[in-house]
C-alpha cells in the first residue's frame, strides 16, 4: 500500500524581492527529511506571487488524490495576502475535496502538521 500523500503549498522564497531565501530553503529541506522519517510521501508546490500562482496550485492539486494539503505560513500569515489565502483555501476545497487541510508553524513541521490528519496505515 502506498504511503499517505501530502501536498505542501507555500510561497517560493526565492521569488520574494529583497528577501534572503537561504534560511527558509534550509528549513524546507529539514522539513522534507521529516516527511521521510514519518514515511509520508509528499510534494511541494512553492509559488511566486504572480499571475501563475493559481494555475500552478490547481495543476498540483489535480496531480493525485491528496490525503492532506498543508498550507504554509507564507500564504496565510501576512494580512495583505488574506484574499489570496482565501483563493488557496477554495482551490483546495474545489480540486482536492477529500483532502484534510493542515497548517504548519514553520517550514520544518509540515510533516507533523500533515500527520495530525492522516489515517494511520
C-alpha atoms as a PDB file:
ATOM      1  CA  UNK A   1       0.000   0.000   0.000  1.00  0.00           C
ATOM      2  CA  UNK A   2       1.290   3.489  -0.861  1.00  0.00           C
ATOM      3  CA  UNK A   3       2.292   5.840   1.930  1.00  0.00           C
ATOM      4  CA  UNK A   4      -0.070   8.710   2.734  1.00  0.00           C
ATOM      5  CA  UNK A   5       0.299  11.550   0.281  1.00  0.00           C
ATOM      6  CA  UNK A   6       0.576  15.210   1.205  1.00  0.00           C
ATOM      7  CA  UNK A   7       0.885  18.353  -0.857  1.00  0.00           C
ATOM      8  CA  UNK A   8       2.597  21.343   0.732  1.00  0.00           C
ATOM      9  CA  UNK A   9       1.567  24.734  -0.670  1.00  0.00           C
ATOM     10  CA  UNK A  10       3.713  27.762   0.014  1.00  0.00           C
ATOM     11  CA  UNK A  11       5.381  30.861  -1.301  1.00  0.00           C
ATOM     12  CA  UNK A  12       8.603  30.425  -3.212  1.00  0.00           C
ATOM     13  CA  UNK A  13      11.087  32.322  -1.030  1.00  0.00           C
ATOM     14  CA  UNK A  14      13.465  32.744  -3.968  1.00  0.00           C
ATOM     15  CA  UNK A  15      10.926  34.990  -5.723  1.00  0.00           C
ATOM     16  CA  UNK A  16      10.403  37.474  -2.876  1.00  0.00           C
ATOM     17  CA  UNK A  17      12.284  40.689  -3.698  1.00  0.00           C
ATOM     18  CA  UNK A  18      14.787  41.822  -1.086  1.00  0.00           C
ATOM     19  CA  UNK A  19      14.411  38.639   0.928  1.00  0.00           C
ATOM     20  CA  UNK A  20      17.188  36.169   1.811  1.00  0.00           C
ATOM     21  CA  UNK A  21      15.647  32.781   0.953  1.00  0.00           C
ATOM     22  CA  UNK A  22      18.505  30.699   2.391  1.00  0.00           C
ATOM     23  CA  UNK A  23      17.058  30.176   5.911  1.00  0.00           C
ATOM     24  CA  UNK A  24      13.648  29.159   4.542  1.00  0.00           C
ATOM     25  CA  UNK A  25      15.165  26.833   1.950  1.00  0.00           C
ATOM     26  CA  UNK A  26      17.255  25.186   4.663  1.00  0.00           C
ATOM     27  CA  UNK A  27      14.165  24.806   6.868  1.00  0.00           C
ATOM     28  CA  UNK A  28      12.212  23.315   3.958  1.00  0.00           C
ATOM     29  CA  UNK A  29      14.978  20.764   3.485  1.00  0.00           C
ATOM     30  CA  UNK A  30      14.804  19.816   7.168  1.00  0.00           C
ATOM     31  CA  UNK A  31      11.036  19.542   6.754  1.00  0.00           C
ATOM     32  CA  UNK A  32      11.491  17.277   3.736  1.00  0.00           C
ATOM     33  CA  UNK A  33      13.649  14.965   5.813  1.00  0.00           C
ATOM     34  CA  UNK A  34      10.929  14.886   8.489  1.00  0.00           C
ATOM     35  CA  UNK A  35       8.430  13.619   5.885  1.00  0.00           C
ATOM     36  CA  UNK A  36      10.871  10.789   5.146  1.00  0.00           C
ATOM     37  CA  UNK A  37      11.255   9.991   8.853  1.00  0.00           C
ATOM     38  CA  UNK A  38       7.475   9.710   9.204  1.00  0.00           C
ATOM     39  CA  UNK A  39       7.067   7.704   5.980  1.00  0.00           C
ATOM     40  CA  UNK A  40       4.773  10.266   4.372  1.00  0.00           C
ATOM     41  CA  UNK A  41       5.067  10.817   0.642  1.00  0.00           C
ATOM     42  CA  UNK A  42       4.823  14.461  -0.270  1.00  0.00           C
ATOM     43  CA  UNK A  43       5.248  17.070  -2.947  1.00  0.00           C
ATOM     44  CA  UNK A  44       5.959  20.762  -2.595  1.00  0.00           C
ATOM     45  CA  UNK A  45       4.287  23.452  -4.612  1.00  0.00           C
ATOM     46  CA  UNK A  46       6.080  26.737  -3.979  1.00  0.00           C
ATOM     47  CA  UNK A  47       4.637  29.601  -5.987  1.00  0.00           C
ATOM     48  CA  UNK A  48       5.609  33.182  -6.709  1.00  0.00           C
ATOM     49  CA  UNK A  49       3.069  35.902  -6.027  1.00  0.00           C
ATOM     50  CA  UNK A  50       2.223  36.489  -9.661  1.00  0.00           C
ATOM     51  CA  UNK A  51      -0.400  35.559 -12.227  1.00  0.00           C
ATOM     52  CA  UNK A  52       0.929  31.995 -12.483  1.00  0.00           C
ATOM     53  CA  UNK A  53       0.265  31.084  -8.825  1.00  0.00           C
ATOM     54  CA  UNK A  54      -3.364  29.946  -9.088  1.00  0.00           C
ATOM     55  CA  UNK A  55      -2.771  27.833 -12.181  1.00  0.00           C
ATOM     56  CA  UNK A  56       0.294  26.221 -10.646  1.00  0.00           C
ATOM     57  CA  UNK A  57      -1.615  25.374  -7.472  1.00  0.00           C
ATOM     58  CA  UNK A  58      -4.516  23.865  -9.444  1.00  0.00           C
ATOM     59  CA  UNK A  59      -2.082  21.814 -11.531  1.00  0.00           C
ATOM     60  CA  UNK A  60      -0.512  20.371  -8.384  1.00  0.00           C
ATOM     61  CA  UNK A  61      -3.868  19.745  -6.686  1.00  0.00           C
ATOM     62  CA  UNK A  62      -5.041  17.730  -9.696  1.00  0.00           C
ATOM     63  CA  UNK A  63      -1.946  15.516  -9.863  1.00  0.00           C
ATOM     64  CA  UNK A  64      -3.234  12.909  -7.439  1.00  0.00           C
ATOM     65  CA  UNK A  65      -5.908  12.367  -4.801  1.00  0.00           C
ATOM     66  CA  UNK A  66      -4.052  14.011  -1.891  1.00  0.00           C
ATOM     67  CA  UNK A  67      -4.892  12.859   1.599  1.00  0.00           C
ATOM     68  CA  UNK A  68      -3.693  16.118   3.112  1.00  0.00           C
ATOM     69  CA  UNK A  69      -2.792  19.606   1.908  1.00  0.00           C
ATOM     70  CA  UNK A  70      -0.562  21.686   4.183  1.00  0.00           C
ATOM     71  CA  UNK A  71      -0.868  25.429   3.629  1.00  0.00           C
ATOM     72  CA  UNK A  72       2.287  27.239   4.664  1.00  0.00           C
ATOM     73  CA  UNK A  73       2.542  30.320   6.809  1.00  0.00           C
ATOM     74  CA  UNK A  74       3.815  32.493   3.980  1.00  0.00           C
ATOM     75  CA  UNK A  75       0.417  32.142   2.329  1.00  0.00           C
ATOM     76  CA  UNK A  76      -1.682  32.736   5.404  1.00  0.00           C
ATOM     77  CA  UNK A  77       0.116  34.882   7.958  1.00  0.00           C
ATOM     78  CA  UNK A  78       0.534  38.139   6.061  1.00  0.00           C
ATOM     79  CA  UNK A  79      -2.566  40.320   6.256  1.00  0.00           C
ATOM     80  CA  UNK A  80      -2.017  41.723   2.756  1.00  0.00           C
ATOM     81  CA  UNK A  81      -2.320  38.147   1.414  1.00  0.00           C
ATOM     82  CA  UNK A  82      -5.693  37.452   3.026  1.00  0.00           C
ATOM     83  CA  UNK A  83      -7.605  37.431  -0.278  1.00  0.00           C
ATOM     84  CA  UNK A  84      -5.026  35.140  -1.877  1.00  0.00           C
ATOM     85  CA  UNK A  85      -5.222  32.837   1.154  1.00  0.00           C
ATOM     86  CA  UNK A  86      -8.992  32.644   0.634  1.00  0.00           C
ATOM     87  CA  UNK A  87      -8.395  31.753  -3.025  1.00  0.00           C
ATOM     88  CA  UNK A  88      -5.981  28.992  -1.991  1.00  0.00           C
ATOM     89  CA  UNK A  89      -8.431  27.513   0.530  1.00  0.00           C
ATOM     90  CA  UNK A  90     -11.186  27.462  -2.077  1.00  0.00           C
ATOM     91  CA  UNK A  91      -8.892  25.922  -4.703  1.00  0.00           C
ATOM     92  CA  UNK A  92      -8.102  23.106  -2.269  1.00  0.00           C
ATOM     93  CA  UNK A  93     -11.784  22.665  -1.449  1.00  0.00           C
ATOM     94  CA  UNK A  94     -12.661  22.518  -5.149  1.00  0.00           C
ATOM     95  CA  UNK A  95      -9.784  20.437  -6.526  1.00  0.00           C
ATOM     96  CA  UNK A  96      -8.918  18.200  -3.555  1.00  0.00           C
ATOM     97  CA  UNK A  97     -12.252  17.896  -1.738  1.00  0.00           C
ATOM     98  CA  UNK A  98     -11.297  14.725   0.141  1.00  0.00           C
ATOM     99  CA  UNK A  99      -8.000  16.113   1.434  1.00  0.00           C
ATOM    100  CA  UNK A 100      -7.601  17.226   5.007  1.00  0.00           C
ATOM    101  CA  UNK A 101      -6.249  20.764   5.320  1.00  0.00           C
ATOM    102  CA  UNK A 102      -3.440  21.361   7.780  1.00  0.00           C
ATOM    103  CA  UNK A 103      -1.381  24.370   8.818  1.00  0.00           C
ATOM    104  CA  UNK A 104       2.246  24.296   9.850  1.00  0.00           C
ATOM    105  CA  UNK A 105       4.034  26.532  12.339  1.00  0.00           C
ATOM    106  CA  UNK A 106       7.340  26.577  10.466  1.00  0.00           C
ATOM    107  CA  UNK A 107       8.686  25.014   7.254  1.00  0.00           C
ATOM    108  CA  UNK A 108      10.263  22.321   9.422  1.00  0.00           C
ATOM    109  CA  UNK A 109       6.991  20.963  10.858  1.00  0.00           C
ATOM    110  CA  UNK A 110       4.962  20.466   7.669  1.00  0.00           C
ATOM    111  CA  UNK A 111       5.122  16.685   8.089  1.00  0.00           C
ATOM    112  CA  UNK A 112       3.948  16.876  11.683  1.00  0.00           C
ATOM    113  CA  UNK A 113       1.037  19.099  10.613  1.00  0.00           C
ATOM    114  CA  UNK A 114       0.054  16.540   7.967  1.00  0.00           C
ATOM    115  CA  UNK A 115       0.486  13.615  10.357  1.00  0.00           C
ATOM    116  CA  UNK A 116      -2.196  15.069  12.652  1.00  0.00           C
ATOM    117  CA  UNK A 117      -4.736  14.424   9.886  1.00  0.00           C
ATOM    118  CA  UNK A 118      -3.521  11.332   8.070  1.00  0.00           C
ATOM    119  CA  UNK A 119      -5.115   7.957   8.625  1.00  0.00           C
ATOM    120  CA  UNK A 120      -2.609   5.555  10.164  1.00  0.00           C
ATOM    121  CA  UNK A 121      -1.591   2.773   7.803  1.00  0.00           C
END
